[in-house]
Amino acid sequence: MRGVAVDVATKGVTANTIAYGYMNAGMLHDVPEPLLAEVKRGIPMDHFGRPEQIAEAIEYLIHSEYTTGQTLHINGGQWMP
């Protein structure tokens, strides 16, 4: 994404990505509880995210004229680059 951001920056376009972790939605509801507990142990915040948190990040990026070439990690600290 950084390369794309550099290529389009002079055109007034921003380019970012969102890398999200386990959200309390969708297929997660079909996972057996023992496996969910094991996954949750790997998340420092000790809970799954809310889908609204992804929407909030998108909203931020839509309104941020000066954020470009970034990856927002929304995962409760499960993965930190």
C-alpha atoms as a PDB file:
ATOM      1  CA  MET A   1       0.000   0.000   0.000  1.00  0.00           C
ATOM      2  CA  ARG A   2       2.912   2.334   0.618  1.00  0.00           C
ATOM      3  CA  GLY A   3       3.911   2.150  -3.025  1.00  0.00           C
ATOM      4  CA  VAL A   4       0.382   2.962  -4.144  1.00  0.00           C
ATOM      5  CA  ALA A   5       0.250   5.832  -1.662  1.00  0.00           C
ATOM      6  CA  VAL A   6       3.432   7.326  -3.097  1.00  0.00           C
ATOM      7  CA  ASP A   7       2.174   6.920  -6.675  1.00  0.00           C
ATOM      8  CA  VAL A   8      -1.131   8.713  -6.067  1.00  0.00           C
ATOM      9  CA  ALA A   9      -0.151  11.258  -3.407  1.00  0.00           C
ATOM     10  CA  THR A  10       0.269  14.145  -5.848  1.00  0.00           C
ATOM     11  CA  LYS A  11      -3.233  13.498  -7.189  1.00  0.00           C
ATOM     12  CA  GLY A  12      -4.825  14.151  -3.797  1.00  0.00           C
ATOM     13  CA  VAL A  13      -5.611  10.488  -3.247  1.00  0.00           C
ATOM     14  CA  THR A  14      -4.819   8.603  -0.063  1.00  0.00           C
ATOM     15  CA  ALA A  15      -4.266   4.836   0.085  1.00  0.00           C
ATOM     16  CA  ASN A  16      -4.471   2.839   3.305  1.00  0.00           C
ATOM     17  CA  THR A  17      -5.371  -0.640   4.480  1.00  0.00           C
ATOM     18  CA  ILE A  18      -7.081  -2.093   7.517  1.00  0.00           C
ATOM     19  CA  ALA A  19      -5.826  -5.361   8.975  1.00  0.00           C
ATOM     20  CA  TYR A  20      -8.413  -6.571  11.418  1.00  0.00           C
ATOM     21  CA  GLY A  21      -8.313  -9.463  13.798  1.00  0.00           C
ATOM     22  CA  TYR A  22     -11.063 -11.588  15.286  1.00  0.00           C
ATOM     23  CA  MET A  23     -14.355  -9.721  15.388  1.00  0.00           C
ATOM     24  CA  ASN A  24     -17.402 -10.825  17.329  1.00  0.00           C
ATOM     25  CA  ALA A  25     -19.382 -11.484  14.148  1.00  0.00           C
ATOM     26  CA  GLY A  26     -20.018 -13.870  11.303  1.00  0.00           C
ATOM     27  CA  MET A  27     -18.292 -17.235  11.255  1.00  0.00           C
ATOM     28  CA  LEU A  28     -16.826 -16.683  14.717  1.00  0.00           C
ATOM     29  CA  HIS A  29     -20.244 -17.652  16.103  1.00  0.00           C
ATOM     30  CA  ASP A  30     -19.825 -21.133  14.579  1.00  0.00           C
ATOM     31  CA  VAL A  31     -16.502 -21.853  16.296  1.00  0.00           C
ATOM     32  CA  PRO A  32     -16.665 -24.180  19.336  1.00  0.00           C
ATOM     33  CA  GLU A  33     -16.235 -22.420  22.676  1.00  0.00           C
ATOM     34  CA  PRO A  34     -13.019 -24.267  23.676  1.00  0.00           C
ATOM     35  CA  LEU A  35     -11.333 -23.089  20.472  1.00  0.00           C
ATOM     36  CA  LEU A  36     -12.628 -19.532  20.979  1.00  0.00           C
ATOM     37  CA  ALA A  37     -11.134 -19.515  24.477  1.00  0.00           C
ATOM     38  CA  GLU A  38      -7.779 -20.618  23.077  1.00  0.00           C
ATOM     39  CA  VAL A  39      -7.823 -17.912  20.410  1.00  0.00           C
ATOM     40  CA  LYS A  40      -8.817 -15.285  22.965  1.00  0.00           C
ATOM     41  CA  ARG A  41      -5.775 -16.182  25.111  1.00  0.00           C
ATOM     42  CA  GLY A  42      -3.607 -14.921  22.247  1.00  0.00           C
ATOM     43  CA  ILE A  43      -5.270 -11.501  22.295  1.00  0.00           C
ATOM     44  CA  PRO A  44      -3.701  -9.196  24.905  1.00  0.00           C
ATOM     45  CA  MET A  45      -6.993  -7.285  25.359  1.00  0.00           C
ATOM     46  CA  ASP A  46      -8.660 -10.651  26.122  1.00  0.00           C
ATOM     47  CA  HIS A  47     -11.751 -10.139  23.977  1.00  0.00           C
ATOM     48  CA  PHE A  48     -12.878 -10.091  20.369  1.00  0.00           C
ATOM     49  CA  GLY A  49     -13.445  -6.827  18.574  1.00  0.00           C
ATOM     50  CA  ARG A  50     -16.756  -5.289  17.622  1.00  0.00           C
ATOM     51  CA  PRO A  51     -17.549  -4.892  13.911  1.00  0.00           C
ATOM     52  CA  GLU A  52     -18.321  -1.234  14.618  1.00  0.00           C
ATOM     53  CA  GLN A  53     -14.643  -0.724  15.379  1.00  0.00           C
ATOM     54  CA  ILE A  54     -13.801  -1.475  11.761  1.00  0.00           C
ATOM     55  CA  ALA A  55     -16.458   0.986  10.614  1.00  0.00           C
ATOM     56  CA  GLU A  56     -14.945   3.618  12.931  1.00  0.00           C
ATOM     57  CA  ALA A  57     -11.512   3.067  11.394  1.00  0.00           C
ATOM     58  CA  ILE A  58     -12.965   3.417   7.902  1.00  0.00           C
ATOM     59  CA  GLU A  59     -14.692   6.619   8.960  1.00  0.00           C
ATOM     60  CA  TYR A  60     -11.381   7.944  10.284  1.00  0.00           C
ATOM     61  CA  LEU A  61      -9.592   7.171   7.036  1.00  0.00           C
ATOM     62  CA  ILE A  62     -12.336   8.731   4.930  1.00  0.00           C
ATOM     63  CA  HIS A  63     -11.948  12.024   6.788  1.00  0.00           C
ATOM     64  CA  SER A  64      -8.166  12.001   7.195  1.00  0.00           C
ATOM     65  CA  GLU A  65      -6.612  13.924   4.320  1.00  0.00           C
ATOM     66  CA  TYR A  66      -3.095  13.447   5.640  1.00  0.00           C
ATOM     67  CA  THR A  67      -3.012   9.752   6.471  1.00  0.00           C
ATOM     68  CA  THR A  68      -1.662   7.676   3.618  1.00  0.00           C
ATOM     69  CA  GLY A  69       0.415   4.559   3.102  1.00  0.00           C
ATOM     70  CA  GLN A  70      -0.642   3.137   6.453  1.00  0.00           C
ATOM     71  CA  THR A  71      -2.030  -0.124   7.704  1.00  0.00           C
ATOM     72  CA  LEU A  72      -4.325   0.174  10.714  1.00  0.00           C
ATOM     73  CA  HIS A  73      -4.167  -2.960  12.847  1.00  0.00           C
ATOM     74  CA  ILE A  74      -7.438  -3.481  14.686  1.00  0.00           C
ATOM     75  CA  ASN A  75      -6.822  -6.702  16.579  1.00  0.00           C
ATOM     76  CA  GLY A  76      -6.659  -6.073  20.318  1.00  0.00           C
ATOM     77  CA  GLY A  77      -2.871  -6.306  20.228  1.00  0.00           C
ATOM     78  CA  GLN A  78      -2.825  -9.841  18.829  1.00  0.00           C
ATOM     79  CA  TRP A  79      -0.366  -8.822  16.148  1.00  0.00           C
ATOM     80  CA  MET A  80       1.855  -5.761  16.410  1.00  0.00           C
ATOM     81  CA  PRO A  81       4.288  -5.045  13.580  1.00  0.00           C
END
